[in-house]
Protein backbone atom coordinates (compact mmCIF):
# COMPACT_ATOMS: atom_id res chain seq x y z
CA MET A 1 1.33 19.41 -13.74
CA SER A 2 -1.05 19.73 -10.80
CA TYR A 3 -4.23 17.71 -10.60
CA ARG A 4 -7.38 19.51 -9.52
CA ALA A 5 -8.16 16.97 -6.79
CA LEU A 6 -6.71 17.66 -3.36
CA ILE A 7 -6.29 15.38 -0.35
CA PRO A 8 -7.71 17.27 2.65
CA TYR A 9 -5.13 17.17 5.42
CA GLY A 10 -5.97 14.45 7.94
CA ALA A 11 -8.83 13.01 5.84
CA TYR A 12 -7.14 9.59 5.67
CA TRP A 13 -6.50 6.61 7.90
CA SER A 14 -5.05 3.14 8.13
CA THR A 15 -5.56 0.19 10.39
CA PRO A 16 -2.47 -1.38 11.89
CA PHE A 17 -1.31 -4.22 9.65
CA ALA A 18 -1.48 -7.68 11.16
CA ARG A 19 0.74 -10.56 10.06
CA TRP A 20 -1.31 -13.20 8.25
CA GLN A 21 -3.23 -15.66 10.39
CA GLY A 22 -3.11 -13.01 13.11
CA ALA A 23 -5.65 -10.63 14.66
CA PHE A 24 -7.51 -9.86 11.40
CA ALA A 25 -7.44 -13.36 9.90
CA ASN A 26 -11.19 -13.98 10.26
CA LEU A 27 -12.44 -10.51 9.28
CA HIS A 28 -14.07 -10.16 5.86
CA SER A 29 -11.82 -7.53 4.25
CA VAL A 30 -14.58 -5.45 2.58
CA GLU A 31 -16.85 -5.47 5.64
CA PHE A 32 -13.84 -4.66 7.84
CA ALA A 33 -12.87 -1.74 5.60
CA ALA A 34 -16.42 -0.40 5.78
CA HIS A 35 -16.46 -0.80 9.58
CA VAL A 36 -13.22 1.17 9.88
CA ALA A 37 -14.18 3.84 7.33
CA LYS A 38 -17.49 4.53 9.05
CA THR A 39 -15.70 5.03 12.37
CA GLU A 40 -12.88 7.15 10.96
CA LEU A 41 -15.18 9.43 8.94
CA ALA A 42 -17.27 10.03 12.06
CA LYS A 43 -14.14 10.94 14.05
CA ARG A 44 -13.32 13.56 11.42
CA GLY A 45 -16.84 14.90 11.20
CA ILE A 46 -17.12 13.93 7.52
CA ASP A 47 -20.67 13.11 6.46
CA PRO A 48 -20.76 10.05 4.14
CA LYS A 49 -23.57 11.79 2.23
CA LEU A 50 -20.94 14.20 0.81
CA PHE A 51 -19.42 11.53 -1.44
CA ASP A 52 -20.50 11.45 -5.04
CA TYR A 53 -17.88 8.88 -6.12
CA GLY A 54 -15.89 6.05 -4.65
CA VAL A 55 -13.11 3.62 -5.60
CA LEU A 56 -12.48 0.30 -3.90
CA GLY A 57 -9.29 -1.67 -4.40
CA PHE A 58 -8.40 -5.19 -3.34
CA SER A 59 -6.39 -8.10 -4.69
CA VAL A 60 -7.84 -11.06 -2.78
CA PRO A 61 -11.54 -11.77 -3.41
CA GLN A 62 -13.93 -12.19 -0.49
CA LYS A 63 -17.48 -13.52 -0.36
CA HIS A 64 -19.84 -11.14 -2.23
CA SER A 65 -16.96 -8.89 -3.33
CA PHE A 66 -18.55 -9.06 -6.80
CA TYR A 67 -20.63 -6.11 -5.51
CA GLY A 68 -17.47 -4.17 -4.69
CA LEU A 69 -17.58 -0.42 -4.18
CA PRO A 70 -21.37 0.02 -4.14
CA TRP A 71 -21.61 -2.56 -1.34
CA LEU A 72 -18.93 -0.80 0.70
CA THR A 73 -20.38 2.70 0.31
CA GLY A 74 -23.81 1.33 1.20
CA LEU A 75 -22.41 -0.15 4.41
CA ILE A 76 -20.98 3.21 5.52
CA GLY A 77 -24.09 5.24 4.76
CA ALA A 78 -22.91 6.60 1.40
CA GLY A 79 -25.41 4.68 -0.71
CA GLN A 80 -25.61 7.53 -3.20
CA ALA A 81 -21.97 7.02 -4.26
CA GLY A 82 -21.01 4.58 -7.00
CA GLY A 83 -17.75 3.74 -8.66
CA PRO A 84 -15.39 0.98 -9.71
CA THR A 85 -13.62 -1.83 -7.94
CA LEU A 86 -10.01 -2.05 -9.11
CA MET A 87 -7.25 -4.61 -8.82
CA GLN A 88 -3.58 -4.07 -9.70
CA ALA A 89 -1.90 -6.19 -7.06
CA CYS A 90 0.48 -4.09 -4.95
CA ALA A 91 0.07 -1.05 -7.22
CA THR A 92 -3.63 -0.87 -6.39
CA GLY A 93 -3.14 1.95 -3.88
CA VAL A 94 -1.76 4.30 -6.54
CA ARG A 95 -4.19 3.05 -9.18
CA THR A 96 -7.23 3.84 -7.03
CA LEU A 97 -5.80 7.25 -6.10
CA LEU A 98 -5.37 8.07 -9.79
CA ALA A 99 -8.91 6.88 -10.55
CA GLY A 100 -10.35 9.21 -7.93
CA ALA A 101 -8.22 12.12 -9.13
CA GLN A 102 -9.26 11.55 -12.75
CA GLU A 103 -12.95 11.57 -11.87
CA ILE A 104 -12.61 14.93 -10.13
CA GLN A 105 -10.34 16.25 -12.89
CA SER A 106 -13.03 15.46 -15.47
CA GLY A 107 -15.74 17.23 -13.48
CA LEU A 108 -17.73 14.04 -12.94
CA ALA A 109 -17.28 14.16 -9.15
CA THR A 110 -16.43 16.63 -6.39
CA THR A 111 -15.75 14.37 -3.40
CA ALA A 112 -14.37 10.84 -3.67
CA LEU A 113 -13.74 8.10 -1.14
CA VAL A 114 -10.76 5.86 -1.94
CA ILE A 115 -10.48 2.66 0.08
CA ASN A 116 -8.13 -0.30 -0.28
CA CYS A 117 -8.36 -3.52 1.66
CA ASP A 118 -7.00 -7.04 1.62
CA ARG A 119 -6.84 -10.19 3.70
CA THR A 120 -4.08 -12.55 2.69
CA SER A 121 -5.03 -14.82 5.60
CA ASN A 122 -7.41 -17.67 4.83
CA GLY A 123 -7.33 -16.86 1.12
CA PRO A 124 -10.01 -18.40 -1.09
CA HIS A 125 -9.59 -21.85 -2.58
CA LEU A 126 -11.15 -21.69 -6.03
CA TYR A 127 -12.45 -24.40 -8.30
CA TYR A 128 -12.92 -23.76 -12.03
CA PRO A 129 -15.36 -26.28 -13.54
CA ASN A 130 -14.45 -27.96 -16.80
CA PRO A 131 -16.98 -30.60 -17.90
CA LYS A 132 -14.70 -31.48 -20.83
CA GLY A 133 -11.70 -32.14 -18.58
CA PRO A 134 -10.47 -35.69 -17.83
CA GLY A 135 -13.32 -37.30 -15.99
CA GLY A 136 -15.14 -33.98 -15.96
CA THR A 137 -12.58 -32.59 -13.52
CA GLY A 138 -11.86 -28.86 -13.41
CA ALA A 139 -8.89 -26.85 -12.22
CA ALA A 140 -8.27 -25.62 -8.66
CA GLU A 141 -6.32 -22.67 -7.30
CA ASP A 142 -5.28 -21.38 -3.88
CA TRP A 143 -5.61 -17.68 -4.71
CA VAL A 144 -2.92 -16.36 -2.37
CA MET A 145 -0.39 -19.16 -2.11
CA ASP A 146 -0.40 -20.25 -5.75
CA ASN A 147 -0.05 -16.71 -7.08
CA PHE A 148 2.76 -15.82 -4.69
CA GLY A 149 4.63 -18.79 -6.04
CA CYS A 150 3.97 -18.70 -9.78
CA ASP A 151 3.71 -15.98 -12.42
CA PRO A 152 1.81 -17.76 -15.22
CA LEU A 153 3.85 -16.01 -17.92
CA GLY A 154 7.23 -17.27 -16.80
CA ARG A 155 6.30 -19.91 -14.21
CA HIS A 156 8.57 -18.17 -11.69
CA SER A 157 7.93 -16.94 -8.14
CA MET A 158 8.04 -13.33 -6.98
CA LEU A 159 11.16 -14.21 -5.00
CA ALA A 160 12.84 -15.21 -8.27
CA THR A 161 12.31 -11.66 -9.60
CA ALA A 162 14.25 -10.26 -6.65
CA GLU A 163 17.03 -12.79 -7.18
CA ASN A 164 17.23 -11.88 -10.87
CA VAL A 165 17.64 -8.19 -10.05
CA ALA A 166 20.14 -8.87 -7.27
CA LYS A 167 22.31 -10.99 -9.56
CA LYS A 168 22.12 -8.59 -12.51
CA HIS A 169 23.06 -5.55 -10.42
CA GLY A 170 25.52 -7.15 -7.99
CA ILE A 171 23.42 -6.71 -4.84
CA GLY A 172 24.66 -9.12 -2.16
CA THR A 173 23.14 -10.53 1.01
CA ALA A 174 25.18 -8.44 3.46
CA LEU A 175 24.03 -5.15 1.93
CA GLN A 176 20.43 -6.36 1.86
CA HIS A 177 20.69 -7.05 5.59
CA GLU A 178 22.04 -3.53 6.17
CA VAL A 179 18.87 -2.21 4.59
CA VAL A 180 16.73 -4.41 6.84
CA LEU A 181 18.40 -3.09 9.99
CA ARG A 182 18.02 0.51 8.82
CA ARG A 183 14.35 0.04 7.93
CA GLU A 184 13.58 -1.53 11.29
CA ALA A 185 15.33 1.36 13.05
CA GLN A 186 13.21 3.82 11.06
CA TYR A 187 10.03 2.01 12.10
CA ARG A 188 11.11 2.24 15.74
CA GLU A 189 10.99 6.02 15.29
CA ALA A 190 7.29 5.66 14.42
CA LEU A 191 6.81 3.76 17.70
CA ALA A 192 8.59 6.42 19.78
CA GLN A 193 6.60 8.44 22.32
CA GLU A 194 3.84 5.85 22.48
CA ALA A 195 3.61 5.53 18.68
CA ALA A 196 3.14 9.27 18.20
CA PHE A 197 3.82 9.14 14.45
CA LEU A 198 1.36 6.31 13.83
CA LYS A 199 -1.29 8.10 15.86
CA ARG A 200 -1.20 10.96 13.36
CA PHE A 201 -3.34 8.77 11.06
CA MET A 202 -4.10 5.55 12.94
CA SER A 203 -6.52 5.00 15.82
CA LEU A 204 -4.43 3.41 18.58
CA PRO A 205 -4.97 1.35 20.60
CA PHE A 206 -6.90 -0.25 17.75
CA ALA A 207 -10.00 -2.19 18.75
CA VAL A 208 -10.05 -5.52 16.89
CA PRO A 209 -13.66 -6.38 16.05
CA ALA A 210 -15.21 -9.82 16.10
CA ALA A 211 -16.16 -11.34 12.77
CA ASN A 212 -19.77 -10.13 13.21
CA PHE A 213 -18.55 -6.59 14.08
CA LYS A 214 -20.84 -6.51 17.12
CA LYS A 215 -18.12 -6.58 19.78
CA ASN A 216 -14.36 -6.26 20.11
CA THR A 217 -12.00 -9.15 20.74
CA GLY A 218 -8.78 -7.33 21.64
CA LEU A 219 -6.54 -4.31 21.17
CA LEU A 220 -3.46 -3.65 19.03
CA ASP A 221 -0.97 -1.01 20.14
CA ALA A 222 0.71 -0.94 16.70
CA ASP A 223 1.30 -3.28 13.75
CA GLU A 224 1.15 -6.94 14.70
CA GLY A 225 3.92 -9.41 13.91
CA VAL A 226 6.77 -6.99 13.13
CA ASN A 227 10.27 -8.47 13.37
CA PHE A 228 13.16 -6.70 15.04
CA SER A 229 16.39 -8.24 13.82
CA THR A 230 20.01 -8.20 14.88
CA ALA A 231 23.01 -8.22 12.59
CA GLU A 232 24.13 -11.49 14.17
CA ALA A 233 20.81 -13.24 13.61
CA LEU A 234 20.53 -12.03 10.02
CA ALA A 235 24.07 -13.22 9.27
CA LYS A 236 23.07 -16.77 10.21
CA LEU A 237 20.27 -16.91 7.63
CA LYS A 238 20.75 -18.83 4.41
CA PRO A 239 19.31 -17.64 1.08
CA VAL A 240 15.87 -19.07 0.43
CA MET A 241 16.74 -20.14 -3.12
CA GLU A 242 19.72 -22.36 -3.88
CA GLY A 243 22.60 -20.17 -5.04
CA GLY A 244 20.65 -16.98 -4.33
CA SER A 245 21.16 -13.97 -2.06
CA VAL A 246 17.71 -13.16 -0.60
CA THR A 247 17.03 -14.56 2.88
CA PHE A 248 13.75 -14.68 4.74
CA GLY A 249 15.06 -11.73 6.77
CA ALA A 250 15.43 -9.54 3.69
CA GLN A 251 11.84 -9.81 2.50
CA THR A 252 8.46 -8.79 3.84
CA HIS A 253 5.64 -10.94 5.22
CA PRO A 254 2.00 -11.27 4.06
CA ALA A 255 -0.45 -9.26 6.16
CA ASP A 256 -4.04 -8.07 6.55
CA GLY A 257 -5.50 -4.57 6.89
CA ASN A 258 -7.10 -1.61 5.14
CA ALA A 259 -6.55 2.09 4.51
CA GLY A 260 -8.57 4.94 3.05
CA LEU A 261 -8.45 8.58 2.06
CA VAL A 262 -10.66 11.37 0.78
CA LEU A 263 -10.14 13.31 -2.44
CA CYS A 264 -12.06 16.46 -3.26
CA ALA A 265 -12.30 19.51 -5.48
CA PRO A 266 -10.36 22.56 -4.21
CA GLU A 267 -13.45 24.42 -3.05
CA ARG A 268 -14.28 21.66 -0.55
CA ALA A 269 -10.78 20.93 0.81
CA ALA A 270 -10.78 23.47 3.64
CA GLU A 271 -14.12 22.15 4.92
CA LEU A 272 -12.82 18.58 5.17
CA SER A 273 -9.29 19.32 6.35
CA ARG A 274 -7.94 19.01 9.89
CA ASP A 275 -5.87 22.13 9.15
CA ALA A 276 -7.05 24.23 6.22
CA LYS A 277 -3.63 25.88 5.91
CA VAL A 278 -2.04 22.58 4.80
CA VAL A 279 -2.62 21.81 1.12
CA ILE A 280 -1.81 18.40 -0.41
CA ARG A 281 -1.58 18.38 -4.19
CA LEU A 282 -1.09 15.52 -6.64
CA LEU A 283 1.52 16.46 -9.24
CA GLY A 284 2.25 13.37 -11.30
CA PHE A 285 1.63 9.66 -11.78
CA GLY A 286 3.70 7.01 -13.52
CA LEU A 287 3.19 3.45 -14.72
CA ALA A 288 5.94 1.13 -15.97
CA ARG A 289 6.64 -2.50 -16.74
CA ALA A 290 10.00 -4.23 -16.46
CA PRO A 291 11.19 -7.24 -18.50
CA LEU A 292 9.68 -10.58 -17.53
CA ALA A 293 10.82 -11.76 -14.07
CA PHE A 294 12.56 -8.47 -13.12
CA MET A 295 9.73 -6.94 -11.07
CA PRO A 296 11.81 -4.69 -8.74
CA GLU A 297 13.25 -2.85 -11.75
CA ALA A 298 9.84 -1.41 -12.66
CA THR A 299 9.88 1.03 -9.74
CA VAL A 300 12.51 3.27 -11.38
CA PRO A 301 10.83 4.01 -14.74
CA ALA A 302 7.49 4.43 -12.94
CA ALA A 303 9.08 7.02 -10.64
CA ARG A 304 10.76 8.80 -13.54
CA ARG A 305 7.46 9.08 -15.41
CA ALA A 306 5.71 10.49 -12.36
CA LEU A 307 8.52 12.99 -11.85
CA GLU A 308 8.43 13.93 -15.52
CA GLN A 309 4.71 14.63 -15.37
CA ALA A 310 5.28 16.69 -12.23
CA GLY A 311 8.16 18.59 -13.86
CA LYS A 312 10.47 17.59 -11.01
CA SER A 313 13.60 15.53 -10.39
CA ILE A 314 14.90 13.25 -7.65
CA ALA A 315 16.95 16.18 -6.34
CA ASP A 316 13.74 18.14 -5.70
CA LEU A 317 12.31 15.55 -3.31
CA ALA A 318 12.16 16.06 0.44
CA ALA A 319 10.98 12.48 1.10
CA ILE A 320 10.79 9.15 -0.73
CA LYS A 321 8.66 6.13 0.13
CA THR A 322 8.86 2.79 -1.62
CA HIS A 323 7.01 -0.49 -1.56
CA ASN A 324 9.89 -2.81 -0.83
CA PRO A 325 8.79 -6.44 -0.58
CA PHE A 326 12.51 -7.18 -0.86
CA ALA A 327 15.44 -5.13 0.44
CA VAL A 328 16.79 -5.50 -3.10
CA ASN A 329 14.15 -2.99 -4.29
CA ASP A 330 15.59 -0.07 -2.35
CA LEU A 331 19.18 -0.85 -3.27
CA PHE A 332 18.36 -1.04 -6.98
CA PHE A 333 16.34 2.20 -6.79
CA ALA A 334 19.24 3.97 -5.08
CA GLN A 335 21.78 2.66 -7.63
CA GLU A 336 19.71 3.87 -10.56
CA THR A 337 18.54 7.25 -9.24
CA GLY A 338 21.30 8.41 -6.92
CA ALA A 339 18.89 8.56 -3.99
CA ASP A 340 20.31 7.70 -0.56
CA TRP A 341 18.67 4.45 0.54
CA ARG A 342 19.42 5.31 4.18
CA THR A 343 17.11 8.34 4.13
CA MET A 344 14.25 6.73 2.19
CA ASN A 345 11.28 5.22 4.03
CA ASN A 346 11.46 7.16 7.26
CA PHE A 347 9.04 5.93 9.95
CA GLY A 348 8.34 2.61 8.22
CA CYS A 349 7.65 0.71 5.03
CA SER A 350 6.18 -2.54 3.77
CA LEU A 351 9.47 -4.39 4.26
CA VAL A 352 8.82 -4.01 8.00
CA TRP A 353 5.10 -3.60 8.63
CA GLY A 354 4.01 -6.14 6.08
CA HIS A 355 2.39 -6.74 2.76
CA PRO A 356 -1.41 -6.72 2.61
CA GLN A 357 -1.14 -5.76 -1.08
CA ALA A 358 -3.88 -3.26 -2.01
CA PRO A 359 -3.82 -1.04 1.13
CA MET A 360 -0.04 -1.07 1.35
CA GLY A 361 0.42 1.81 -1.13
CA THR A 362 -2.34 3.89 0.45
CA ARG A 363 -0.69 3.66 3.86
CA ALA A 364 2.72 4.50 2.41
CA ILE A 365 1.26 7.62 0.74
CA ILE A 366 -0.37 8.66 4.02
CA GLU A 367 2.96 8.24 5.85
CA LEU A 368 4.69 10.23 3.10
CA ILE A 369 2.25 13.10 3.63
CA GLU A 370 2.78 13.09 7.38
CA GLU A 371 6.57 13.02 7.02
CA LEU A 372 6.39 16.05 4.73
CA VAL A 373 4.14 17.87 7.22
CA LEU A 374 6.72 17.24 9.95
CA LYS A 375 9.41 18.63 7.63
CA GLY A 376 7.36 21.78 7.07
CA GLY A 377 6.29 20.80 3.56
CA GLY A 378 7.94 19.82 0.30
CA LEU A 379 7.76 17.27 -2.47
CA GLY A 380 7.40 13.54 -1.97
CA LEU A 381 7.52 10.41 -4.14
CA PHE A 382 6.00 6.99 -3.62
CA THR A 383 6.85 4.16 -5.99
CA GLY A 384 6.15 0.46 -5.72
CA CYS A 385 6.31 -2.71 -7.79
CA ALA A 386 3.48 -5.15 -8.39
CA ALA A 387 2.82 -8.60 -9.79
CA GLY A 388 3.43 -8.91 -13.50
CA ASP A 389 6.67 -6.90 -13.37
CA THR A 390 4.76 -3.60 -13.18
CA ALA A 391 4.96 -0.57 -10.91
CA MET A 392 3.12 2.67 -10.23
CA ALA A 393 4.35 5.91 -8.70
CA VAL A 394 2.94 9.24 -7.54
CA VAL A 395 4.52 12.61 -6.82
CA LEU A 396 2.74 14.93 -4.41
CA SER A 397 3.43 18.16 -2.59
CA VAL A 398 2.59 19.40 0.88
CA GLY A 399 2.46 23.17 1.15
CA ASP A 400 0.36 26.01 2.48
CA ARG A 401 -2.64 27.66 0.96
């Protein structure tokens, strides 16, 4: 099928992603996202007063984030726009995109702002009161660290889900490291010619604001904290878990950042587009859940459902992007679908540029669009896993009017 909502070409952006406790560690993620969105909309000549709907996604709470989307749109001068605040861990980028598309599909909105943000740095430390607890003591939680390390259903870590999939499907360390080297080489292509690919959607050099957003504290030329490995160095790494196969080199790192895009009804797309001849359509979405503690497996059924709704197959795709917190993800996807893992994730992916959770999928979708534009159009798929052994996927097309 084809959804009514279009993504105007160029009406999207992403910050660089900064490794946790790095350049963005002290920036309130919602206020930072509003600061960036206000600047990027102005650069594109898009009046915030046009928005009649918005969706905000995040996975790590910040002070006052109870007020969510209405707070953010108020900060950017779009106080007339309301909408939900959504959370689906690393699938939040696709979830918020679907929410915006559904609102336009139903006729309840014409122009939607979709923003995702997260700061894994300095995550909140929460205390849950329990007057009936021993001595009146409640329970405490480190939101980021504790949830990385323990799924409350199975008491296992996210790393354990990758190990389970690697063992079940015979995916060894050496092949995982091959994927890492290929993904890092693909990201280097995004850095070529003074980061020409990244500059298609990212303002570079990126001015890092102070926590009060009244001055700048530095500049980033690209993503901060990216590793560039060698085969020799990777070969020296031991698996993180006893008896496992996944090393620190074959998994991503937590990060901070935000990304946003505009969705609109067809009659408004040309007005908001950098090039009215380029048309970006949403063709299908998919949601899936894998068995407990096999999170990377969920990406395949999610992709198949999105392709089924789009009426397409893997063979029809000109480009594939994945959220790959572990190299295992891409190898499993390739085994199950017949896709070539070497040609997936051109120009970068979360395995390399990091894992700020909610905005990760939005950036990957933006990069997918730009890759398809460089190819002269075609069909693209993004699929990515999320906490709770779930995944979401989207199929889109880039063509001409």
